[in-house]
C-alpha atoms as a PDB file:
ATOM      1  CA  MET A   1    -126.533 262.366 -20.710  1.00  0.00           C
ATOM      2  CA  GLU A   2    -123.924 261.810 -17.867  1.00  0.00           C
ATOM      3  CA  ALA A   3    -120.290 260.767 -17.143  1.00  0.00           C
ATOM      4  CA  SER A   4    -117.945 260.787 -14.500  1.00  0.00           C
ATOM      5  CA  ALA A   5    -114.003 261.889 -14.298  1.00  0.00           C
ATOM      6  CA  PHE A   6    -111.519 261.791 -11.932  1.00  0.00           C
ATOM      7  CA  SER A   7    -108.772 264.135 -10.965  1.00  0.00           C
ATOM      8  CA  PRO A   8    -105.687 263.699  -8.609  1.00  0.00           C
ATOM      9  CA  SER A   9    -105.364 266.384  -6.068  1.00  0.00           C
ATOM     10  CA  HIS A  10    -101.774 268.292  -5.809  1.00  0.00           C
ATOM     11  CA  ILE A  11     -99.532 269.520  -3.165  1.00  0.00           C
ATOM     12  CA  THR A  12     -97.367 272.435  -4.175  1.00  0.00           C
ATOM     13  CA  GLY A  13     -93.982 272.950  -2.069  1.00  0.00           C
ATOM     14  CA  PHE A  14     -93.079 276.109  -3.454  1.00  0.00           C
ATOM     15  CA  PHE A  15     -94.324 278.498  -6.421  1.00  0.00           C
ATOM     16  CA  GLU A  16     -94.324 281.977  -7.841  1.00  0.00           C
ATOM     17  CA  ILE A  17     -97.049 283.950  -9.190  1.00  0.00           C
ATOM     18  CA  ILE A  18     -96.874 285.018 -13.139  1.00  0.00           C
ATOM     19  CA  ASP A  19     -99.885 287.039 -13.737  1.00  0.00           C
ATOM     20  CA  GLU A  20     -98.627 290.160 -15.812  1.00  0.00           C
ATOM     21  CA  GLN A  21    -100.439 289.056 -18.887  1.00  0.00           C
ATOM     22  CA  SER A  22    -104.021 289.860 -19.446  1.00  0.00           C
ATOM     23  CA  GLY A  23    -105.599 286.530 -20.929  1.00  0.00           C
ATOM     24  CA  LEU A  24    -106.480 284.079 -18.327  1.00  0.00           C
ATOM     25  CA  LEU A  25    -105.002 281.349 -20.449  1.00  0.00           C
ATOM     26  CA  LEU A  26    -101.675 283.039 -19.843  1.00  0.00           C
ATOM     27  CA  LYS A  27    -101.743 283.319 -16.226  1.00  0.00           C
ATOM     28  CA  GLY A  28    -100.747 280.817 -13.593  1.00  0.00           C
ATOM     29  CA  SER A  29     -97.452 279.936 -11.830  1.00  0.00           C
ATOM     30  CA  ARG A  30     -94.284 278.468 -11.897  1.00  0.00           C
ATOM     31  CA  GLY A  31     -93.469 275.760  -8.734  1.00  0.00           C
ATOM     32  CA  ALA A  32     -92.930 272.492  -7.987  1.00  0.00           C
ATOM     33  CA  GLY A  33     -95.335 269.594  -6.601  1.00  0.00           C
ATOM     34  CA  ILE A  34     -97.005 266.214  -6.626  1.00  0.00           C
ATOM     35  CA  CYS A  35    -100.319 265.027  -7.651  1.00  0.00           C
ATOM     36  CA  LEU A  36    -101.688 262.245  -5.053  1.00  0.00           C
ATOM     37  CA  SER A  37    -103.472 259.084  -5.614  1.00  0.00           C
ATOM     38  CA  LYS A  38    -106.550 260.596  -3.496  1.00  0.00           C
ATOM     39  CA  GLY A  39    -108.454 263.386  -5.358  1.00  0.00           C
ATOM     40  CA  VAL A  40    -111.531 264.364  -6.678  1.00  0.00           C
ATOM     41  CA  LYS A  41    -114.668 262.138  -8.475  1.00  0.00           C
ATOM     42  CA  THR A  42    -117.338 264.065 -10.329  1.00  0.00           C
ATOM     43  CA  TYR A  43    -120.312 262.716 -11.577  1.00  0.00           C
ATOM     44  CA  VAL A  44    -122.483 264.681 -13.781  1.00  0.00           C
ATOM     45  CA  LYS A  45    -125.828 264.396 -15.083  1.00  0.00           C
ATOM     46  CA  ILE A  46    -127.736 266.683 -17.666  1.00  0.00           C
ATOM     47  CA  LYS A  47    -131.269 266.968 -18.687  1.00  0.00           C
ATOM     48  CA  GLU A  48    -133.144 268.888 -20.989  1.00  0.00           C
ATOM     49  CA  SER A  49    -135.424 271.375 -19.359  1.00  0.00           C
ATOM     50  CA  SER A  50    -137.616 274.080 -19.692  1.00  0.00           C
ATOM     51  CA  ASN A  51    -136.907 275.443 -16.593  1.00  0.00           C
ATOM     52  CA  PRO A  52    -133.178 274.919 -16.151  1.00  0.00           C
ATOM     53  CA  GLU A  53    -131.287 274.516 -12.732  1.00  0.00           C
ATOM     54  CA  LEU A  54    -128.334 273.669 -11.249  1.00  0.00           C
ATOM     55  CA  LYS A  55    -127.957 271.286  -8.258  1.00  0.00           C
ATOM     56  CA  VAL A  56    -124.187 270.655  -6.918  1.00  0.00           C
ATOM     57  CA  SER A  57    -123.652 268.232  -3.805  1.00  0.00           C
ATOM     58  CA  LEU A  58    -120.175 267.581  -2.249  1.00  0.00           C
ATOM     59  CA  ASN A  59    -119.697 264.578  -0.509  1.00  0.00           C
ATOM     60  CA  GLY A  60    -123.376 264.053  -0.108  1.00  0.00           C
ATOM     61  CA  LYS A  61    -124.114 267.407   0.995  1.00  0.00           C
ATOM     62  CA  ALA A  62    -125.769 270.339  -0.951  1.00  0.00           C
ATOM     63  CA  LEU A  63    -123.146 272.767  -1.944  1.00  0.00           C
ATOM     64  CA  LYS A  64    -123.947 276.345  -1.312  1.00  0.00           C
ATOM     65  CA  SER A  65    -121.104 278.239  -3.130  1.00  0.00           C
ATOM     66  CA  THR A  66    -121.436 277.233  -6.729  1.00  0.00           C
ATOM     67  CA  GLN A  67    -119.170 279.749  -8.394  1.00  0.00           C
ATOM     68  CA  LEU A  68    -116.585 277.412  -9.905  1.00  0.00           C
ATOM     69  CA  THR A  69    -118.980 274.955 -11.011  1.00  0.00           C
ATOM     70  CA  ARG A  70    -121.128 277.884 -12.765  1.00  0.00           C
ATOM     71  CA  PHE A  71    -118.001 279.152 -14.547  1.00  0.00           C
ATOM     72  CA  VAL A  72    -117.005 275.947 -15.722  1.00  0.00           C
ATOM     73  CA  ILE A  73    -120.497 275.166 -17.231  1.00  0.00           C
ATOM     74  CA  ASP A  74    -120.700 278.459 -18.817  1.00  0.00           C
ATOM     75  CA  PHE A  75    -117.723 278.209 -20.660  1.00  0.00           C
ATOM     76  CA  PHE A  76    -119.270 274.889 -22.291  1.00  0.00           C
ATOM     77  CA  LEU A  77    -122.747 276.327 -22.596  1.00  0.00           C
ATOM     78  CA  PRO A  78    -123.608 280.124 -22.062  1.00  0.00           C
ATOM     79  CA  LYS A  79    -126.648 280.827 -20.098  1.00  0.00           C
ATOM     80  CA  ASN A  80    -128.086 282.387 -23.066  1.00  0.00           C
ATOM     81  CA  ASP A  81    -127.896 279.152 -25.266  1.00  0.00           C
ATOM     82  CA  ARG A  82    -128.683 276.367 -22.638  1.00  0.00           C
ATOM     83  CA  ASN A  83    -132.161 274.466 -22.332  1.00  0.00           C
ATOM     84  CA  TYR A  84    -130.706 271.839 -19.875  1.00  0.00           C
ATOM     85  CA  SER A  85    -130.384 271.117 -16.458  1.00  0.00           C
ATOM     86  CA  PHE A  86    -127.154 270.108 -14.501  1.00  0.00           C
ATOM     87  CA  PHE A  87    -126.719 267.706 -11.503  1.00  0.00           C
ATOM     88  CA  VAL A  88    -123.196 267.824 -10.314  1.00  0.00           C
ATOM     89  CA  ASP A  89    -121.878 265.395  -7.408  1.00  0.00           C
ATOM     90  CA  TYR A  90    -118.090 266.023  -6.405  1.00  0.00           C
ATOM     91  CA  ASP A  91    -116.539 263.217  -4.069  1.00  0.00           C
ATOM     92  CA  VAL A  92    -113.610 264.896  -2.573  1.00  0.00           C
ATOM     93  CA  GLN A  93    -111.303 262.318  -1.203  1.00  0.00           C
ATOM     94  CA  VAL A  94    -108.877 265.066   0.650  1.00  0.00           C
ATOM     95  CA  PRO A  95    -109.356 267.792   3.153  1.00  0.00           C
ATOM     96  CA  ILE A  96    -110.770 271.244   1.310  1.00  0.00           C
ATOM     97  CA  GLY A  97    -109.302 274.417   1.215  1.00  0.00           C
ATOM     98  CA  SER A  98    -106.075 272.974   2.836  1.00  0.00           C
ATOM     99  CA  GLY A  99    -103.297 273.106   0.334  1.00  0.00           C
ATOM    100  CA  PHE A 100    -104.415 269.601  -1.671  1.00  0.00           C
ATOM    101  CA  GLY A 101    -105.865 271.498  -4.759  1.00  0.00           C
ATOM    102  CA  SER A 102    -109.202 270.349  -4.534  1.00  0.00           C
ATOM    103  CA  SER A 103    -110.660 273.286  -6.212  1.00  0.00           C
ATOM    104  CA  GLY A 104    -108.660 272.890  -9.284  1.00  0.00           C
ATOM    105  CA  ALA A 105    -109.496 268.964  -8.833  1.00  0.00           C
ATOM    106  CA  CYS A 106    -113.136 269.901  -9.073  1.00  0.00           C
ATOM    107  CA  ALA A 107    -113.187 272.320 -11.860  1.00  0.00           C
ATOM    108  CA  LEU A 108    -110.623 269.883 -14.264  1.00  0.00           C
ATOM    109  CA  SER A 109    -112.938 266.662 -13.238  1.00  0.00           C
ATOM    110  CA  LEU A 110    -115.990 268.637 -13.924  1.00  0.00           C
ATOM    111  CA  SER A 111    -114.858 269.951 -17.137  1.00  0.00           C
ATOM    112  CA  LEU A 112    -113.621 266.533 -18.341  1.00  0.00           C
ATOM    113  CA  ALA A 113    -117.203 264.920 -17.417  1.00  0.00           C
ATOM    114  CA  LEU A 114    -119.055 267.938 -18.935  1.00  0.00           C
ATOM    115  CA  ASN A 115    -117.249 267.153 -22.212  1.00  0.00           C
ATOM    116  CA  GLU A 116    -118.038 263.504 -22.440  1.00  0.00           C
ATOM    117  CA  ALA A 117    -121.356 263.790 -21.246  1.00  0.00           C
ATOM    118  CA  LEU A 118    -122.084 266.725 -23.936  1.00  0.00           C
ATOM    119  CA  GLY A 119    -120.226 264.822 -26.542  1.00  0.00           C
ATOM    120  CA  MET A 120    -118.596 268.341 -27.207  1.00  0.00           C
ATOM    121  CA  GLY A 121    -115.408 266.221 -28.536  1.00  0.00           C
ATOM    122  CA  LEU A 122    -112.860 268.662 -27.066  1.00  0.00           C
ATOM    123  CA  SER A 123    -109.468 267.044 -26.244  1.00  0.00           C
ATOM    124  CA  LYS A 124    -108.156 266.473 -23.033  1.00  0.00           C
ATOM    125  CA  VAL A 125    -106.003 269.470 -23.015  1.00  0.00           C
ATOM    126  CA  GLU A 126    -108.899 272.075 -24.482  1.00  0.00           C
ATOM    127  CA  ALA A 127    -111.286 270.795 -21.595  1.00  0.00           C
ATOM    128  CA  ALA A 128    -108.208 270.890 -18.857  1.00  0.00           C
ATOM    129  CA  SER A 129    -107.752 274.675 -20.226  1.00  0.00           C
ATOM    130  CA  ILE A 130    -111.503 275.632 -19.368  1.00  0.00           C
ATOM    131  CA  ALA A 131    -110.941 274.581 -15.599  1.00  0.00           C
ATOM    132  CA  HIS A 132    -107.947 276.499 -15.816  1.00  0.00           C
ATOM    133  CA  LYS A 133    -109.547 279.746 -16.686  1.00  0.00           C
ATOM    134  CA  ALA A 134    -112.356 278.892 -14.197  1.00  0.00           C
ATOM    135  CA  GLU A 135    -109.628 278.879 -11.184  1.00  0.00           C
ATOM    136  CA  ILE A 136    -107.930 281.955 -12.135  1.00  0.00           C
ATOM    137  CA  LYS A 137    -111.325 283.579 -12.713  1.00  0.00           C
ATOM    138  CA  CYS A 138    -112.267 282.682  -9.091  1.00  0.00           C
ATOM    139  CA  LYS A 139    -108.972 282.663  -7.666  1.00  0.00           C
ATOM    140  CA  THR A 140    -109.038 279.525  -6.175  1.00  0.00           C
ATOM    141  CA  GLY A 141    -105.518 278.572  -7.659  1.00  0.00           C
ATOM    142  CA  LEU A 142    -102.968 279.270 -10.041  1.00  0.00           C
ATOM    143  CA  GLY A 143    -100.838 276.267 -11.208  1.00  0.00           C
ATOM    144  CA  THR A 144    -102.878 273.461  -9.908  1.00  0.00           C
ATOM    145  CA  VAL A 145    -104.948 272.679 -13.018  1.00  0.00           C
ATOM    146  CA  ILE A 146    -102.049 272.118 -15.349  1.00  0.00           C
ATOM    147  CA  ALA A 147    -100.165 269.816 -12.858  1.00  0.00           C
ATOM    148  CA  GLU A 148    -103.355 267.646 -12.081  1.00  0.00           C
ATOM    149  CA  THR A 149    -103.943 267.298 -16.000  1.00  0.00           C
ATOM    150  CA  TYR A 150    -100.774 265.467 -16.200  1.00  0.00           C
ATOM    151  CA  GLY A 151     -99.880 263.780 -12.975  1.00  0.00           C
ATOM    152  CA  GLY A 152     -97.030 262.738 -11.597  1.00  0.00           C
ATOM    153  CA  PHE A 153     -93.951 264.580  -9.565  1.00  0.00           C
ATOM    154  CA  GLU A 154     -93.441 268.003 -11.812  1.00  0.00           C
ATOM    155  CA  ALA A 155     -91.937 271.404 -11.973  1.00  0.00           C
ATOM    156  CA  ARG A 156     -93.997 274.033 -13.678  1.00  0.00           C
ATOM    157  CA  VAL A 157     -91.393 275.557 -15.969  1.00  0.00           C
ATOM    158  CA  LYS A 158     -93.754 277.901 -17.759  1.00  0.00           C
ATOM    159  CA  ALA A 159     -96.986 279.381 -16.054  1.00  0.00           C
ATOM    160  CA  GLY A 160    -100.374 279.085 -18.117  1.00  0.00           C
ATOM    161  CA  ALA A 161    -102.803 276.956 -18.895  1.00  0.00           C
ATOM    162  CA  PRO A 162    -102.540 273.330 -20.180  1.00  0.00           C
ATOM    163  CA  GLY A 163    -101.161 273.500 -23.648  1.00  0.00           C
ATOM    164  CA  ILE A 164     -99.680 276.998 -22.989  1.00  0.00           C
ATOM    165  CA  GLY A 165     -97.660 276.287 -19.937  1.00  0.00           C
ATOM    166  CA  GLU A 166     -95.170 273.890 -19.605  1.00  0.00           C
ATOM    167  CA  ILE A 167     -94.497 270.729 -17.442  1.00  0.00           C
ATOM    168  CA  MET A 168     -91.562 268.924 -16.560  1.00  0.00           C
ATOM    169  CA  GLN A 169     -92.441 265.360 -15.296  1.00  0.00           C
ATOM    170  CA  ILE A 170     -89.474 263.832 -12.948  1.00  0.00           C
ATOM    171  CA  PRO A 171     -89.298 260.272 -12.850  1.00  0.00           C
ATOM    172  CA  ILE A 172     -89.925 258.304  -9.282  1.00  0.00           C
ATOM    173  CA  SER A 173     -89.714 254.732  -8.408  1.00  0.00           C
ATOM    174  CA  ASN A 174     -93.228 253.507  -7.048  1.00  0.00           C
ATOM    175  CA  ASP A 175     -91.654 253.413  -3.194  1.00  0.00           C
ATOM    176  CA  TYR A 176     -92.040 257.086  -2.554  1.00  0.00           C
ATOM    177  CA  SER A 177     -95.140 258.087  -0.982  1.00  0.00           C
ATOM    178  CA  VAL A 178     -96.696 261.622   0.440  1.00  0.00           C
ATOM    179  CA  ALA A 179     -97.670 261.893   4.523  1.00  0.00           C
ATOM    180  CA  CYS A 180     -99.686 264.550   5.571  1.00  0.00           C
ATOM    181  CA  LEU A 181    -101.102 266.067   8.810  1.00  0.00           C
ATOM    182  CA  SER A 182    -103.991 268.542   7.956  1.00  0.00           C
ATOM    183  CA  LEU A 183    -104.981 270.807  10.488  1.00  0.00           C
ATOM    184  CA  GLY A 184    -107.393 273.100   8.499  1.00  0.00           C
ATOM    185  CA  PRO A 185    -108.176 275.516   5.888  1.00  0.00           C
ATOM    186  CA  ILE A 186    -106.683 278.618   4.956  1.00  0.00           C
ATOM    187  CA  SER A 187    -108.594 280.688   2.075  1.00  0.00           C
ATOM    188  CA  THR A 188    -106.607 280.623  -1.188  1.00  0.00           C
ATOM    189  CA  LYS A 189    -109.135 283.155  -2.274  1.00  0.00           C
ATOM    190  CA  ALA A 190    -108.336 285.580   0.587  1.00  0.00           C
ATOM    191  CA  MET A 191    -104.449 284.944  -0.130  1.00  0.00           C
ATOM    192  CA  LEU A 192    -104.878 285.692  -3.500  1.00  0.00           C
ATOM    193  CA  SER A 193    -106.333 288.915  -2.772  1.00  0.00           C
ATOM    194  CA  ASP A 194    -103.724 290.436  -0.695  1.00  0.00           C
ATOM    195  CA  GLU A 195    -101.104 292.126  -2.678  1.00  0.00           C
ATOM    196  CA  ILE A 196     -98.562 292.124   0.243  1.00  0.00           C
ATOM    197  CA  LEU A 197     -98.633 288.564   0.555  1.00  0.00           C
ATOM    198  CA  LEU A 198     -98.334 288.158  -3.559  1.00  0.00           C
ATOM    199  CA  ASN A 199     -95.340 290.176  -3.361  1.00  0.00           C
ATOM    200  CA  ARG A 200     -93.716 287.974  -0.704  1.00  0.00           C
ATOM    201  CA  VAL A 201     -94.594 285.144  -2.187  1.00  0.00           C
ATOM    202  CA  ASN A 202     -92.117 286.107  -5.228  1.00  0.00           C
ATOM    203  CA  GLU A 203     -89.720 286.928  -3.012  1.00  0.00           C
ATOM    204  CA  ALA A 204     -89.777 283.816  -1.524  1.00  0.00           C
ATOM    205  CA  GLY A 205     -90.188 281.711  -4.556  1.00  0.00           C
ATOM    206  CA  LYS A 206     -87.431 283.395  -6.696  1.00  0.00           C
ATOM    207  CA  GLY A 207     -84.953 281.380  -8.534  1.00  0.00           C
ATOM    208  CA  LEU A 208     -86.471 278.152  -6.715  1.00  0.00           C
ATOM    209  CA  VAL A 209     -87.705 276.487  -9.780  1.00  0.00           C
ATOM    210  CA  ASP A 210     -84.340 276.810 -11.770  1.00  0.00           C
ATOM    211  CA  ARG A 211     -82.499 275.455  -8.675  1.00  0.00           C
ATOM    212  CA  PHE A 212     -84.905 272.425  -8.677  1.00  0.00           C
ATOM    213  CA  ILE A 213     -84.495 272.035 -11.696  1.00  0.00           C
ATOM    214  CA  ALA A 214     -80.817 271.580 -11.619  1.00  0.00           C
ATOM    215  CA  GLU A 215     -81.443 268.639  -8.965  1.00  0.00           C
ATOM    216  CA  PRO A 216     -84.818 267.382  -9.842  1.00  0.00           C
ATOM    217  CA  SER A 217     -85.131 265.176  -6.821  1.00  0.00           C
ATOM    218  CA  PRO A 218     -87.501 264.331  -4.152  1.00  0.00           C
ATOM    219  CA  GLU A 219     -85.159 265.217  -1.376  1.00  0.00           C
ATOM    220  CA  ASN A 220     -84.293 268.392  -3.128  1.00  0.00           C
ATOM    221  CA  PHE A 221     -88.047 269.256  -3.468  1.00  0.00           C
ATOM    222  CA  MET A 222     -88.470 269.084   0.392  1.00  0.00           C
ATOM    223  CA  ILE A 223     -85.427 270.951   1.022  1.00  0.00           C
ATOM    224  CA  LEU A 224     -86.608 273.738  -1.132  1.00  0.00           C
ATOM    225  CA  SER A 225     -90.267 273.405  -0.226  1.00  0.00           C
ATOM    226  CA  ARG A 226     -89.268 274.016   3.560  1.00  0.00           C
ATOM    227  CA  GLU A 227     -87.051 276.915   2.676  1.00  0.00           C
ATOM    228  CA  PHE A 228     -90.028 278.662   0.937  1.00  0.00           C
ATOM    229  CA  SER A 229     -92.103 277.935   3.605  1.00  0.00           C
ATOM    230  CA  ASP A 230     -89.781 279.414   6.282  1.00  0.00           C
ATOM    231  CA  SER A 231     -89.175 282.743   4.282  1.00  0.00           C
ATOM    232  CA  LEU A 232     -93.272 283.367   3.431  1.00  0.00           C
ATOM    233  CA  SER A 233     -93.537 282.734   7.058  1.00  0.00           C
ATOM    234  CA  ILE A 234     -97.516 282.162   7.308  1.00  0.00           C
ATOM    235  CA  TYR A 235     -97.131 279.298   9.896  1.00  0.00           C
ATOM    236  CA  THR A 236    -100.148 278.952  12.516  1.00  0.00           C
ATOM    237  CA  ASN A 237     -98.033 278.077  15.875  1.00  0.00           C
ATOM    238  CA  ARG A 238     -99.211 274.827  15.756  1.00  0.00           C
ATOM    239  CA  VAL A 239     -98.110 274.302  12.153  1.00  0.00           C
ATOM    240  CA  LYS A 240     -94.495 275.556  13.355  1.00  0.00           C
ATOM    241  CA  LYS A 241     -94.567 273.644  16.707  1.00  0.00           C
ATOM    242  CA  VAL A 242     -95.052 270.531  14.641  1.00  0.00           C
ATOM    243  CA  LEU A 243     -92.484 271.055  11.781  1.00  0.00           C
ATOM    244  CA  ASN A 244     -89.847 271.773  14.500  1.00  0.00           C
ATOM    245  CA  GLU A 245     -90.583 268.689  16.251  1.00  0.00           C
ATOM    246  CA  LEU A 246     -89.996 266.470  12.797  1.00  0.00           C
ATOM    247  CA  ASP A 247     -86.919 268.246  12.353  1.00  0.00           C
ATOM    248  CA  ASP A 248     -85.854 267.166  15.753  1.00  0.00           C
ATOM    249  CA  TYR A 249     -86.669 263.444  14.516  1.00  0.00           C
ATOM    250  CA  GLY A 250     -84.758 263.914  11.288  1.00  0.00           C
ATOM    251  CA  PHE A 251     -87.902 264.013   8.966  1.00  0.00           C
ATOM    252  CA  LYS A 252     -87.891 266.579   6.033  1.00  0.00           C
ATOM    253  CA  SER A 253     -91.256 268.493   6.132  1.00  0.00           C
ATOM    254  CA  SER A 254     -92.839 271.193   4.970  1.00  0.00           C
ATOM    255  CA  MET A 255     -96.067 273.414   4.682  1.00  0.00           C
ATOM    256  CA  ALA A 256     -98.502 272.751   1.514  1.00  0.00           C
ATOM    257  CA  MET A 257     -99.257 275.693  -0.092  1.00  0.00           C
ATOM    258  CA  ILE A 258    -101.685 277.014   0.632  1.00  0.00           C
ATOM    259  CA  GLY A 259    -103.141 275.304   3.628  1.00  0.00           C
ATOM    260  CA  GLU A 260    -102.753 274.268   7.132  1.00  0.00           C
ATOM    261  CA  THR A 261    -101.009 271.120   6.313  1.00  0.00           C
ATOM    262  CA  ILE A 262     -97.696 269.487   7.153  1.00  0.00           C
ATOM    263  CA  PHE A 263     -96.284 267.057   4.265  1.00  0.00           C
ATOM    264  CA  SER A 264     -93.523 264.923   3.693  1.00  0.00           C
ATOM    265  CA  PHE A 265     -92.618 263.501   0.189  1.00  0.00           C
ATOM    266  CA  THR A 266     -90.352 260.501   1.362  1.00  0.00           C
ATOM    267  CA  LYS A 267     -89.870 256.458   0.711  1.00  0.00           C
ATOM    268  CA  ALA A 268     -92.677 254.425   1.608  1.00  0.00           C
ATOM    269  CA  LYS A 269     -91.209 252.876   5.232  1.00  0.00           C
ATOM    270  CA  GLU A 270     -90.528 256.525   6.318  1.00  0.00           C
ATOM    271  CA  ALA A 271     -93.974 257.959   5.337  1.00  0.00           C
ATOM    272  CA  GLU A 272     -95.482 255.017   7.463  1.00  0.00           C
ATOM    273  CA  GLU A 273     -93.322 256.443  10.548  1.00  0.00           C
ATOM    274  CA  LEU A 274     -94.475 259.922  10.126  1.00  0.00           C
ATOM    275  CA  VAL A 275     -97.942 258.698   9.579  1.00  0.00           C
ATOM    276  CA  LYS A 276     -97.742 257.054  13.360  1.00  0.00           C
ATOM    277  CA  ILE A 277     -96.169 260.503  14.728  1.00  0.00           C
ATOM    278  CA  PHE A 278     -98.959 262.443  12.952  1.00  0.00           C
ATOM    279  CA  HIS A 279    -101.774 260.289  14.336  1.00  0.00           C
ATOM    280  CA  LYS A 280    -100.259 260.803  17.866  1.00  0.00           C
ATOM    281  CA  LYS A 281    -100.250 264.603  17.372  1.00  0.00           C
ATOM    282  CA  ALA A 282    -103.679 264.622  15.483  1.00  0.00           C
ATOM    283  CA  ARG A 283    -106.957 266.277  17.235  1.00  0.00           C
ATOM    284  CA  SER A 284    -110.388 264.794  16.458  1.00  0.00           C
ATOM    285  CA  GLU A 285    -111.001 267.345  13.735  1.00  0.00           C
ATOM    286  CA  ASP A 286    -107.403 266.712  11.832  1.00  0.00           C
ATOM    287  CA  ARG A 287    -107.044 264.523   9.291  1.00  0.00           C
ATOM    288  CA  VAL A 288    -103.933 262.148   8.639  1.00  0.00           C
ATOM    289  CA  ILE A 289    -103.313 260.917   4.661  1.00  0.00           C
ATOM    290  CA  LEU A 290    -100.763 258.593   3.498  1.00  0.00           C
ATOM    291  CA  CYS A 291    -101.266 258.167  -0.405  1.00  0.00           C
ATOM    292  CA  SER A 292     -98.883 257.133  -3.409  1.00  0.00           C
ATOM    293  CA  VAL A 293     -98.551 259.551  -6.414  1.00  0.00           C
ATOM    294  CA  ASP A 294    -100.602 259.610  -8.942  1.00  0.00           C
ATOM    295  CA  LYS A 295     -98.680 259.536 -12.485  1.00  0.00           C
ATOM    296  CA  LYS A 296    -101.595 259.096 -14.867  1.00  0.00           C
ATOM    297  CA  GLY A 297    -103.119 262.731 -14.499  1.00  0.00           C
ATOM    298  CA  ALA A 298    -106.753 263.494 -15.086  1.00  0.00           C
ATOM    299  CA  ARG A 299    -109.198 261.215 -16.707  1.00  0.00           C
ATOM    300  CA  VAL A 300    -112.795 260.337 -17.543  1.00  0.00           C
ATOM    301  CA  LEU A 301    -114.248 257.409 -15.669  1.00  0.00           C
END
């Protein structure tokens, strides 16, 4: 039994946390973001076994931390009802832990691949809701999965898992691209465990979704994203320096939530100019990314 699936990655520009509800399916966030053509491809192989095991690799290397993977698998087949070995290979095309929603993309593509390989017959939305629950439980994200499920340029107008939350997809022409300079990771789990920071997130994000819906354009998205990140002010010195320099050049840019990544969502020609600037500023360990918008959302390959 084997299958492969793909999930786009995702950049959130601004958000507010909705977690008053007790159920995992009801928790999440309101916000806005973009699904990227680069994401996560996941290959799953399942074998019957009298000695069940789980082996997980990420970009060809054994992955020691398998909590998220285990949660997704356990939602399909609880440990006490399992005589299978699982082999999971994640091909992650974006920087990990840097604001690209890679954890959500891993969970979502895994869930879709497991559903296919096991012949469970779940709908795409049902399989995606499992990934949402795993992300909330592991504190690796809040609204990434529902955005990546549907793809495109979107506003999450109602929090919750796919099938419960609501997405407003904003039509855009094909000449828009996303340019990024990724300087390093920030722990989403640490951020989502910090009550003081969570309060600051909701203060900074209050009212931004409604303002975006009133004028749902890439330009307004970038303006509100920068307003949010300036208000939240979790910049490292280097991120702040790059943002200020891009302001001087006349580019609209902001910080991906949550990661040490500067991004801009703009016309392709301007994005290419930004990439040239990013390459000049990048150190050897940094990554410069240029990609288009994924409008299909997560899917079985």
